[in-house]
Amino acid sequence: MILGFDLRRLDPARIGLAQLCDGPRSPTFEQYAHNALCERQIPGTGELPVADFVAALPPHVVIGLEVPLGSLAAEGCTPLERARRLMDATREVLAGM
């Protein structure tokens, strides 16, 4: 069960894509709105059960990363460096499964 919902109960044919990010388990509305638009957390750096979510997905599902990193961009971190950080952390989460 992932945050109160069991993905395994869905028809696998209905799931074609999943997007990963991380964040607080119980954000306030303000946090949720800000994170959705500007500042999600890199998988493995927040409180969400990212590895459990991925493990519950059917094997055919394409996984994308949806992680706006506005604060890093504002600090001058290049898009390539942000992508590297994101990929390295995501690989670490997936390797631990």
C-alpha atoms as a PDB file:
ATOM      1  CA  MET A   1       0.000   0.000   0.000  1.00  0.00           C
ATOM      2  CA  ILE A   2       1.349   3.422  -1.008  1.00  0.00           C
ATOM      3  CA  LEU A   3       0.042   6.274   1.148  1.00  0.00           C
ATOM      4  CA  GLY A   4      -3.293   4.557   1.598  1.00  0.00           C
ATOM      5  CA  PHE A   5      -3.710   3.344  -1.982  1.00  0.00           C
ATOM      6  CA  ASP A   6      -2.624  -0.005  -3.405  1.00  0.00           C
ATOM      7  CA  LEU A   7      -1.459   0.357  -7.012  1.00  0.00           C
ATOM      8  CA  ARG A   8      -1.432  -3.409  -7.373  1.00  0.00           C
ATOM      9  CA  ARG A   9      -5.247  -3.372  -7.317  1.00  0.00           C
ATOM     10  CA  LEU A  10      -5.381  -1.435 -10.601  1.00  0.00           C
ATOM     11  CA  ASP A  11      -5.497  -3.142 -13.982  1.00  0.00           C
ATOM     12  CA  PRO A  12      -1.818  -2.979 -15.108  1.00  0.00           C
ATOM     13  CA  ALA A  13      -2.938  -2.175 -18.661  1.00  0.00           C
ATOM     14  CA  ARG A  14      -4.357   1.135 -17.370  1.00  0.00           C
ATOM     15  CA  ILE A  15      -0.962   2.368 -16.150  1.00  0.00           C
ATOM     16  CA  GLY A  16       1.331   3.502 -18.949  1.00  0.00           C
ATOM     17  CA  LEU A  17       3.416   6.199 -17.305  1.00  0.00           C
ATOM     18  CA  ALA A  18       4.533   7.188 -13.834  1.00  0.00           C
ATOM     19  CA  GLN A  19       6.293  10.333 -12.678  1.00  0.00           C
ATOM     20  CA  LEU A  20       8.656  10.358  -9.719  1.00  0.00           C
ATOM     21  CA  CYS A  21       9.546  13.048  -7.253  1.00  0.00           C
ATOM     22  CA  ASP A  22       9.804  13.235  -3.492  1.00  0.00           C
ATOM     23  CA  GLY A  23       8.519  15.571  -0.826  1.00  0.00           C
ATOM     24  CA  PRO A  24       6.902  15.822   2.565  1.00  0.00           C
ATOM     25  CA  ARG A  25       4.441  13.080   3.475  1.00  0.00           C
ATOM     26  CA  SER A  26       1.772  15.534   4.666  1.00  0.00           C
ATOM     27  CA  PRO A  27       2.362  18.937   3.068  1.00  0.00           C
ATOM     28  CA  THR A  28       0.255  21.949   3.861  1.00  0.00           C
ATOM     29  CA  PHE A  29      -1.763  23.336   0.964  1.00  0.00           C
ATOM     30  CA  GLU A  30       0.803  26.117   0.570  1.00  0.00           C
ATOM     31  CA  GLN A  31       3.705  23.629   0.502  1.00  0.00           C
ATOM     32  CA  TYR A  32       1.865  21.441  -1.975  1.00  0.00           C
ATOM     33  CA  ALA A  33       1.144  24.344  -4.333  1.00  0.00           C
ATOM     34  CA  HIS A  34       4.724  25.638  -4.147  1.00  0.00           C
ATOM     35  CA  ASN A  35       6.245  22.183  -4.614  1.00  0.00           C
ATOM     36  CA  ALA A  36       3.981  21.358  -7.542  1.00  0.00           C
ATOM     37  CA  LEU A  37       5.127  24.402  -9.466  1.00  0.00           C
ATOM     38  CA  CYS A  38       8.633  25.217  -8.271  1.00  0.00           C
ATOM     39  CA  GLU A  39      10.373  22.914  -5.864  1.00  0.00           C
ATOM     40  CA  ARG A  40       9.840  19.187  -5.630  1.00  0.00           C
ATOM     41  CA  GLN A  41      12.397  17.057  -3.903  1.00  0.00           C
ATOM     42  CA  ILE A  42      14.766  14.661  -5.614  1.00  0.00           C
ATOM     43  CA  PRO A  43      13.747  11.003  -5.104  1.00  0.00           C
ATOM     44  CA  GLY A  44      15.260   9.692  -1.887  1.00  0.00           C
ATOM     45  CA  THR A  45      15.545  13.098  -0.214  1.00  0.00           C
ATOM     46  CA  GLY A  46      11.996  13.470   1.113  1.00  0.00           C
ATOM     47  CA  GLU A  47       9.492  11.449   3.087  1.00  0.00           C
ATOM     48  CA  LEU A  48       7.564   9.693   0.317  1.00  0.00           C
ATOM     49  CA  PRO A  49       7.937   5.909  -0.217  1.00  0.00           C
ATOM     50  CA  VAL A  50       9.419   6.285  -3.711  1.00  0.00           C
ATOM     51  CA  ALA A  51      10.976   2.799  -3.866  1.00  0.00           C
ATOM     52  CA  ASP A  52       7.706   1.203  -2.717  1.00  0.00           C
ATOM     53  CA  PHE A  53       5.818   3.178  -5.378  1.00  0.00           C
ATOM     54  CA  VAL A  54       8.163   1.974  -8.121  1.00  0.00           C
ATOM     55  CA  ALA A  55       8.025  -1.607  -6.839  1.00  0.00           C
ATOM     56  CA  ALA A  56       4.221  -1.519  -7.081  1.00  0.00           C
ATOM     57  CA  LEU A  57       4.268  -0.471 -10.746  1.00  0.00           C
ATOM     58  CA  PRO A  58       3.849  -3.018 -13.519  1.00  0.00           C
ATOM     59  CA  PRO A  59       7.177  -3.753 -15.257  1.00  0.00           C
ATOM     60  CA  HIS A  60       6.120  -2.200 -18.597  1.00  0.00           C
ATOM     61  CA  VAL A  61       5.528   1.259 -17.147  1.00  0.00           C
ATOM     62  CA  VAL A  62       7.667   4.135 -18.404  1.00  0.00           C
ATOM     63  CA  ILE A  63       9.025   6.199 -15.513  1.00  0.00           C
ATOM     64  CA  GLY A  64       9.705   9.910 -15.849  1.00  0.00           C
ATOM     65  CA  LEU A  65      11.189  12.345 -13.380  1.00  0.00           C
ATOM     66  CA  GLU A  66       9.134  15.452 -12.619  1.00  0.00           C
ATOM     67  CA  VAL A  67      11.284  17.479 -10.260  1.00  0.00           C
ATOM     68  CA  PRO A  68      11.328  21.263 -10.653  1.00  0.00           C
ATOM     69  CA  LEU A  69      14.388  22.509  -8.785  1.00  0.00           C
ATOM     70  CA  GLY A  70      13.824  26.250  -8.762  1.00  0.00           C
ATOM     71  CA  SER A  71      16.110  26.978  -5.821  1.00  0.00           C
ATOM     72  CA  LEU A  72      19.066  25.223  -7.465  1.00  0.00           C
ATOM     73  CA  ALA A  73      18.442  27.096 -10.704  1.00  0.00           C
ATOM     74  CA  ALA A  74      18.322  30.377  -8.775  1.00  0.00           C
ATOM     75  CA  GLU A  75      21.676  29.506  -7.186  1.00  0.00           C
ATOM     76  CA  GLY A  76      23.205  29.147 -10.661  1.00  0.00           C
ATOM     77  CA  CYS A  77      23.193  25.353 -10.893  1.00  0.00           C
ATOM     78  CA  THR A  78      23.113  24.515 -14.592  1.00  0.00           C
ATOM     79  CA  PRO A  79      20.389  22.343 -16.118  1.00  0.00           C
ATOM     80  CA  LEU A  80      22.985  19.632 -16.787  1.00  0.00           C
ATOM     81  CA  GLU A  81      24.167  19.619 -13.165  1.00  0.00           C
ATOM     82  CA  ARG A  82      20.575  19.513 -11.887  1.00  0.00           C
ATOM     83  CA  ALA A  83      19.870  16.577 -14.222  1.00  0.00           C
ATOM     84  CA  ARG A  84      22.996  14.766 -13.012  1.00  0.00           C
ATOM     85  CA  ARG A  85      22.025  15.202  -9.363  1.00  0.00           C
ATOM     86  CA  LEU A  86      18.528  13.990 -10.105  1.00  0.00           C
ATOM     87  CA  MET A  87      19.668  10.938 -12.055  1.00  0.00           C
ATOM     88  CA  ASP A  88      22.357   9.962  -9.530  1.00  0.00           C
ATOM     89  CA  ALA A  89      19.908  10.131  -6.616  1.00  0.00           C
ATOM     90  CA  THR A  90      17.183   8.289  -8.527  1.00  0.00           C
ATOM     91  CA  ARG A  91      19.575   5.517  -9.514  1.00  0.00           C
ATOM     92  CA  GLU A  92      20.561   5.158  -5.865  1.00  0.00           C
ATOM     93  CA  VAL A  93      16.907   4.803  -4.814  1.00  0.00           C
ATOM     94  CA  LEU A  94      16.238   2.227  -7.535  1.00  0.00           C
ATOM     95  CA  ALA A  95      19.427   0.288  -6.769  1.00  0.00           C
ATOM     96  CA  GLY A  96      18.265  -0.151  -3.174  1.00  0.00           C
ATOM     97  CA  MET A  97      15.090  -1.930  -4.204  1.00  0.00           C
END
